[in-house]
């Protein structure tokens, strides 16, 4: 049984981490968050120590370490801009870290973390749960066996958000990385994992609540569209009163992967504990890509763009 600490325990994604720690047969020893309504922890680890101040958990962990009973893993579920500092804390403490995506917002943070990994001998793992999704694994197998064929991909993800979003850290591009990082990072990881590295990157649109572009990958031409705006939902979604729409087509064929997300954190943890988790090198491609998109000058509706852009633009 491994001992875990969790930073950011009140965030919605923390539930999946607590569940994964429990289902993989391990123990959450301590957790911290600035938000003090933490009834959710009772469903998993009611005996875990809880701290409102990160510094107090730091001291608690240090005391455990001095007593020869250290924390083995630190799970990080904090806002994106805090990830790099919390990863550094975990590694320097002497624990491995498991961090929600994006591992970091800015590419330069990866260089520092890589150095700290080498210094400490500890490792940072990230949550790339789509790589364990059965439908995505099936698609990767098909592409791997397809030789040098180039595929045409349409990737669309609309997940509507209210006015609160832009009052929170998520609406601050310096804190979240913007829409391409905040809601797109796992899709960018998935497509580059399956279809290879980026050869060309064109951004057609980049606004606070939506972005779109074209990617030439080693084995695919990808027209992508990401949005937080309910006005961008296609008719087939609005007719069903759906507030989220996700679609990936490969040569016109829809890849269905809407279900099966909630259990993939447990699979992720099991693989990490078995020594097969995804680390810094795995996360690098999508972090670099999201950074390039964020810093590109949009060209407008020119060339080959996602057809959903025609809906409102």
Protein backbone atom coordinates (compact mmCIF):
# COMPACT_ATOMS: atom_id res chain seq x y z
CA UNK A 1 0.00 0.00 0.00
CA UNK A 2 1.42 3.37 -1.08
CA UNK A 3 0.84 6.61 0.82
CA UNK A 4 -0.60 9.59 -1.06
CA UNK A 5 -0.98 13.32 -0.48
CA UNK A 6 -3.36 15.37 -2.63
CA UNK A 7 -3.12 19.08 -3.45
CA UNK A 8 -6.32 20.71 -4.72
CA UNK A 9 -8.75 18.36 -3.02
CA UNK A 10 -11.85 20.53 -3.59
CA UNK A 11 -11.54 20.65 -7.38
CA UNK A 12 -14.08 18.58 -9.29
CA UNK A 13 -11.40 16.34 -10.82
CA UNK A 14 -10.04 15.46 -7.36
CA UNK A 15 -12.93 13.02 -6.87
CA UNK A 16 -11.54 10.85 -9.68
CA UNK A 17 -8.09 10.90 -8.09
CA UNK A 18 -9.41 9.93 -4.66
CA UNK A 19 -11.45 7.16 -6.25
CA UNK A 20 -8.38 5.96 -8.16
CA UNK A 21 -6.23 5.95 -5.02
CA UNK A 22 -8.88 3.90 -3.20
CA UNK A 23 -9.61 1.48 -6.06
CA UNK A 24 -5.92 0.82 -6.64
CA UNK A 25 -5.62 -0.29 -3.00
CA UNK A 26 -3.71 2.68 -1.61
CA UNK A 27 -4.17 5.29 1.11
CA UNK A 28 -4.73 9.04 1.04
CA UNK A 29 -2.89 10.26 4.13
CA UNK A 30 -3.37 14.02 3.75
CA UNK A 31 -4.92 16.60 1.48
CA UNK A 32 -5.08 20.37 1.14
CA UNK A 33 -7.27 23.02 -0.45
CA UNK A 34 -8.17 26.65 0.24
CA UNK A 35 -11.85 25.71 0.01
CA UNK A 36 -13.08 24.31 3.30
CA UNK A 37 -16.25 22.41 2.36
CA UNK A 38 -14.70 18.98 1.96
CA UNK A 39 -17.51 16.48 2.58
CA UNK A 40 -16.50 14.70 -0.63
CA UNK A 41 -13.44 13.26 1.08
CA UNK A 42 -15.69 11.27 3.45
CA UNK A 43 -16.73 8.96 0.61
CA UNK A 44 -13.14 7.84 0.13
CA UNK A 45 -10.78 8.63 3.02
CA UNK A 46 -12.60 10.13 6.02
CA UNK A 47 -9.51 9.64 8.21
CA UNK A 48 -7.21 11.66 5.94
CA UNK A 49 -5.69 14.76 7.52
CA UNK A 50 -6.90 17.95 5.83
CA UNK A 51 -5.22 21.36 5.69
CA UNK A 52 -6.52 24.71 4.49
CA UNK A 53 -2.97 26.06 4.23
CA UNK A 54 -0.55 24.30 1.92
CA UNK A 55 2.32 25.23 4.26
CA UNK A 56 0.73 23.23 7.09
CA UNK A 57 0.54 20.12 4.92
CA UNK A 58 4.15 20.71 3.93
CA UNK A 59 5.12 20.60 7.63
CA UNK A 60 2.94 17.53 8.24
CA UNK A 61 4.63 15.69 5.35
CA UNK A 62 8.06 16.76 6.56
CA UNK A 63 7.29 15.32 10.00
CA UNK A 64 6.22 12.03 8.39
CA UNK A 65 9.44 11.95 6.42
CA UNK A 66 11.56 12.52 9.54
CA UNK A 67 9.72 9.68 11.29
CA UNK A 68 10.58 7.31 8.44
CA UNK A 69 7.00 7.13 7.16
CA UNK A 70 7.11 9.34 4.06
CA UNK A 71 4.50 10.07 1.42
CA UNK A 72 5.18 8.05 -1.75
CA UNK A 73 3.07 10.02 -4.26
CA UNK A 74 1.67 13.56 -4.42
CA UNK A 75 -1.44 13.93 -6.60
CA UNK A 76 -1.87 17.42 -8.07
CA UNK A 77 -5.36 18.69 -8.95
CA UNK A 78 -4.73 22.43 -8.65
CA UNK A 79 -5.32 25.16 -11.28
CA UNK A 80 -3.04 24.87 -14.31
CA UNK A 81 -0.69 27.72 -13.38
CA UNK A 82 0.14 26.07 -10.03
CA UNK A 83 1.15 22.71 -11.50
CA UNK A 84 4.83 23.49 -12.07
CA UNK A 85 5.46 24.68 -8.49
CA UNK A 86 3.54 21.78 -6.96
CA UNK A 87 5.45 19.28 -9.12
CA UNK A 88 8.73 20.83 -7.93
CA UNK A 89 7.53 20.55 -4.32
CA UNK A 90 6.66 16.86 -4.69
CA UNK A 91 9.92 15.86 -6.36
CA UNK A 92 12.10 17.80 -3.93
CA UNK A 93 10.21 16.31 -1.00
CA UNK A 94 11.18 12.88 -2.30
CA UNK A 95 7.86 11.70 -3.75
CA UNK A 96 6.77 10.90 -7.26
CA UNK A 97 4.06 13.24 -8.59
CA UNK A 98 0.85 12.52 -10.48
CA UNK A 99 -0.40 15.69 -12.14
CA UNK A 100 -3.62 16.46 -13.96
CA UNK A 101 -3.24 17.75 -17.48
CA UNK A 102 -1.88 20.02 -18.64
CA UNK A 103 1.25 19.02 -16.78
CA UNK A 104 2.44 22.63 -17.22
CA UNK A 105 1.22 25.64 -19.18
CA UNK A 106 4.56 26.94 -20.46
CA UNK A 107 7.22 24.82 -22.23
CA UNK A 108 10.09 26.36 -20.24
CA UNK A 109 8.67 24.76 -17.09
CA UNK A 110 9.28 21.32 -18.62
CA UNK A 111 13.02 21.99 -18.83
CA UNK A 112 13.26 22.84 -15.13
CA UNK A 113 11.15 19.85 -14.09
CA UNK A 114 13.30 17.54 -16.21
CA UNK A 115 16.38 18.83 -14.35
CA UNK A 116 14.71 18.25 -10.96
CA UNK A 117 13.75 14.71 -11.99
CA UNK A 118 17.41 14.05 -12.77
CA UNK A 119 18.56 15.63 -9.49
CA UNK A 120 16.10 13.80 -7.25
CA UNK A 121 15.63 10.50 -9.05
CA UNK A 122 11.88 11.00 -8.68
CA UNK A 123 9.37 11.10 -11.52
CA UNK A 124 6.44 13.18 -12.67
CA UNK A 125 3.52 11.32 -14.22
CA UNK A 126 0.59 12.94 -15.97
CA UNK A 127 -3.01 11.92 -16.62
CA UNK A 128 -3.50 11.16 -20.32
CA UNK A 129 -6.54 8.97 -19.81
CA UNK A 130 -7.71 9.01 -23.43
CA UNK A 131 -4.71 6.83 -24.26
CA UNK A 132 -6.46 4.06 -22.29
CA UNK A 133 -9.89 4.49 -23.87
CA UNK A 134 -10.87 1.29 -25.77
CA UNK A 135 -12.13 3.19 -28.84
CA UNK A 136 -8.94 5.27 -29.02
CA UNK A 137 -6.72 2.19 -28.58
CA UNK A 138 -8.63 0.49 -31.40
CA UNK A 139 -8.11 3.53 -33.64
CA UNK A 140 -4.38 3.70 -32.85
CA UNK A 141 -3.97 0.02 -33.73
CA UNK A 142 -5.72 0.61 -37.06
CA UNK A 143 -3.50 3.62 -37.88
CA UNK A 144 -0.30 1.82 -36.81
CA UNK A 145 -1.18 -1.04 -39.15
CA UNK A 146 -2.17 1.30 -42.01
CA UNK A 147 1.32 2.06 -43.25
CA UNK A 148 1.96 5.56 -44.62
CA UNK A 149 -1.65 6.44 -45.41
CA UNK A 150 -2.63 10.06 -44.66
CA UNK A 151 -6.05 10.45 -42.99
CA UNK A 152 -8.49 13.38 -42.98
CA UNK A 153 -9.65 14.25 -39.47
CA UNK A 154 -12.35 16.61 -38.24
CA UNK A 155 -12.06 17.21 -34.50
CA UNK A 156 -14.78 19.27 -32.78
CA UNK A 157 -15.28 19.83 -29.06
CA UNK A 158 -17.84 22.25 -27.67
CA UNK A 159 -18.32 22.30 -23.92
CA UNK A 160 -20.44 25.27 -22.93
CA UNK A 161 -19.55 27.41 -19.93
CA UNK A 162 -21.40 30.21 -18.15
CA UNK A 163 -20.29 33.72 -17.23
CA UNK A 164 -18.49 32.41 -14.13
CA UNK A 165 -15.80 30.88 -16.33
CA UNK A 166 -14.25 34.22 -17.26
CA UNK A 167 -14.30 35.45 -13.65
CA UNK A 168 -12.30 32.39 -12.59
CA UNK A 169 -8.65 31.51 -13.20
CA UNK A 170 -9.78 29.54 -16.26
CA UNK A 171 -10.59 32.78 -18.06
CA UNK A 172 -7.08 34.16 -17.47
CA UNK A 173 -4.79 33.01 -20.29
CA UNK A 174 -1.70 33.37 -18.08
CA UNK A 175 -3.22 31.03 -15.51
CA UNK A 176 -5.06 28.49 -17.68
CA UNK A 177 -3.15 28.73 -20.95
CA UNK A 178 -6.34 29.72 -22.76
CA UNK A 179 -9.02 27.66 -24.44
CA UNK A 180 -6.64 25.52 -26.53
CA UNK A 181 -4.79 24.38 -23.40
CA UNK A 182 -7.67 24.26 -20.98
CA UNK A 183 -10.12 22.17 -23.01
CA UNK A 184 -7.99 21.05 -25.95
CA UNK A 185 -4.85 19.58 -24.42
CA UNK A 186 -6.12 15.99 -24.09
CA UNK A 187 -7.38 15.98 -27.70
CA UNK A 188 -4.11 17.39 -29.00
CA UNK A 189 -2.26 14.69 -27.06
CA UNK A 190 -4.54 12.01 -28.45
CA UNK A 191 -4.23 12.97 -32.12
CA UNK A 192 -0.45 13.46 -32.02
CA UNK A 193 -0.07 10.14 -30.16
CA UNK A 194 -2.06 8.35 -32.86
CA UNK A 195 -1.14 10.25 -36.03
CA UNK A 196 2.38 11.50 -35.29
CA UNK A 197 4.15 14.80 -34.77
CA UNK A 198 3.20 18.24 -36.06
CA UNK A 199 4.57 19.25 -39.47
CA UNK A 200 2.37 22.32 -40.02
CA UNK A 201 0.22 24.36 -37.63
CA UNK A 202 -2.25 26.99 -38.90
CA UNK A 203 -4.60 28.88 -36.57
CA UNK A 204 -7.78 30.20 -38.19
CA UNK A 205 -9.43 31.62 -35.08
CA UNK A 206 -8.31 32.31 -31.52
CA UNK A 207 -10.67 34.07 -29.12
CA UNK A 208 -11.13 33.83 -25.33
CA UNK A 209 -13.99 31.33 -25.73
CA UNK A 210 -13.13 29.47 -28.94
CA UNK A 211 -10.28 28.50 -31.23
CA UNK A 212 -9.87 26.67 -34.53
CA UNK A 213 -7.11 25.62 -36.85
CA UNK A 214 -5.49 23.11 -39.17
CA UNK A 215 -2.73 20.64 -38.35
CA UNK A 216 -0.65 18.63 -40.77
CA UNK A 217 0.57 15.62 -38.81
CA UNK A 218 2.78 12.79 -40.03
CA UNK A 219 -0.27 10.66 -40.85
CA UNK A 220 -3.21 13.09 -40.83
CA UNK A 221 -4.71 16.38 -41.92
CA UNK A 222 -6.68 17.70 -38.95
CA UNK A 223 -9.33 20.45 -38.97
CA UNK A 224 -10.02 21.24 -35.31
CA UNK A 225 -12.51 23.44 -33.48
CA UNK A 226 -12.84 24.08 -29.74
CA UNK A 227 -15.50 26.22 -28.11
CA UNK A 228 -17.12 27.20 -24.82
CA UNK A 229 -19.96 29.03 -26.62
CA UNK A 230 -23.41 27.40 -26.67
CA UNK A 231 -24.13 29.24 -29.94
CA UNK A 232 -21.62 26.96 -31.64
CA UNK A 233 -23.50 23.77 -30.77
CA UNK A 234 -24.69 21.96 -33.91
CA UNK A 235 -28.36 21.21 -34.47
CA UNK A 236 -28.02 17.53 -33.50
CA UNK A 237 -26.86 18.66 -30.04
CA UNK A 238 -29.36 21.46 -29.43
CA UNK A 239 -32.29 19.25 -30.46
CA UNK A 240 -31.35 16.91 -27.58
CA UNK A 241 -30.71 19.79 -25.14
CA UNK A 242 -27.05 18.77 -24.96
CA UNK A 243 -24.58 21.37 -23.64
CA UNK A 244 -21.54 19.38 -24.72
CA UNK A 245 -20.71 18.09 -28.18
CA UNK A 246 -17.63 16.10 -29.10
CA UNK A 247 -16.92 14.58 -32.46
CA UNK A 248 -13.96 13.02 -34.21
CA UNK A 249 -14.30 11.74 -37.75
CA UNK A 250 -11.56 9.83 -39.56
CA UNK A 251 -12.06 9.86 -43.35
CA UNK A 252 -15.72 10.72 -42.67
CA UNK A 253 -16.27 7.89 -40.18
CA UNK A 254 -17.31 8.94 -36.66
CA UNK A 255 -15.21 7.59 -33.80
CA UNK A 256 -17.54 7.10 -30.83
CA UNK A 257 -15.85 7.60 -27.47
CA UNK A 258 -18.39 9.59 -25.45
CA UNK A 259 -18.67 7.03 -22.65
CA UNK A 260 -16.11 5.30 -20.50
CA UNK A 261 -14.21 8.38 -19.26
CA UNK A 262 -14.90 8.19 -15.54
CA UNK A 263 -13.04 4.95 -14.81
CA UNK A 264 -9.91 5.82 -16.75
CA UNK A 265 -8.22 7.63 -13.84
CA UNK A 266 -8.14 4.32 -11.96
CA UNK A 267 -6.55 2.64 -14.98
CA UNK A 268 -4.06 5.54 -15.12
CA UNK A 269 -3.10 5.06 -11.45
CA UNK A 270 -2.76 1.30 -11.84
CA UNK A 271 -0.35 1.77 -14.73
CA UNK A 272 1.69 4.37 -12.83
CA UNK A 273 1.95 2.08 -9.81
CA UNK A 274 3.07 -0.72 -12.12
CA UNK A 275 5.82 1.50 -13.56
CA UNK A 276 4.09 2.13 -16.89
CA UNK A 277 2.71 5.65 -16.50
CA UNK A 278 3.02 8.54 -18.94
CA UNK A 279 5.69 11.10 -18.10
CA UNK A 280 7.29 14.31 -19.28
CA UNK A 281 8.32 13.02 -22.70
CA UNK A 282 4.76 11.82 -23.38
CA UNK A 283 3.22 15.18 -22.46
CA UNK A 284 5.74 17.30 -24.36
CA UNK A 285 4.21 17.29 -27.87
CA UNK A 286 0.78 18.55 -26.81
CA UNK A 287 2.19 21.20 -24.44
CA UNK A 288 4.41 22.61 -27.21
CA UNK A 289 1.51 22.53 -29.68
CA UNK A 290 -0.91 24.35 -27.36
CA UNK A 291 1.76 26.98 -26.68
CA UNK A 292 2.32 27.49 -30.43
CA UNK A 293 -1.43 27.84 -31.02
CA UNK A 294 -1.74 30.38 -28.20
CA UNK A 295 1.06 32.49 -29.68
CA UNK A 296 0.06 32.23 -33.36
CA UNK A 297 -1.54 34.99 -35.43
CA UNK A 298 -4.94 33.72 -36.68
CA UNK A 299 -5.34 33.92 -40.48
CA UNK A 300 -9.17 33.96 -40.56
CA UNK A 301 -11.38 31.77 -42.75
CA UNK A 302 -8.79 30.84 -45.34
CA UNK A 303 -7.68 27.45 -46.58
CA UNK A 304 -8.91 24.21 -45.06
CA UNK A 305 -10.88 24.89 -41.87
CA UNK A 306 -13.35 23.02 -39.68
CA UNK A 307 -16.89 23.31 -41.13
CA UNK A 308 -18.34 24.29 -37.72
CA UNK A 309 -16.60 27.65 -38.20
CA UNK A 310 -19.22 28.49 -40.83
CA UNK A 311 -22.01 28.30 -38.25
CA UNK A 312 -21.40 31.71 -36.71
CA UNK A 313 -18.46 33.21 -38.58
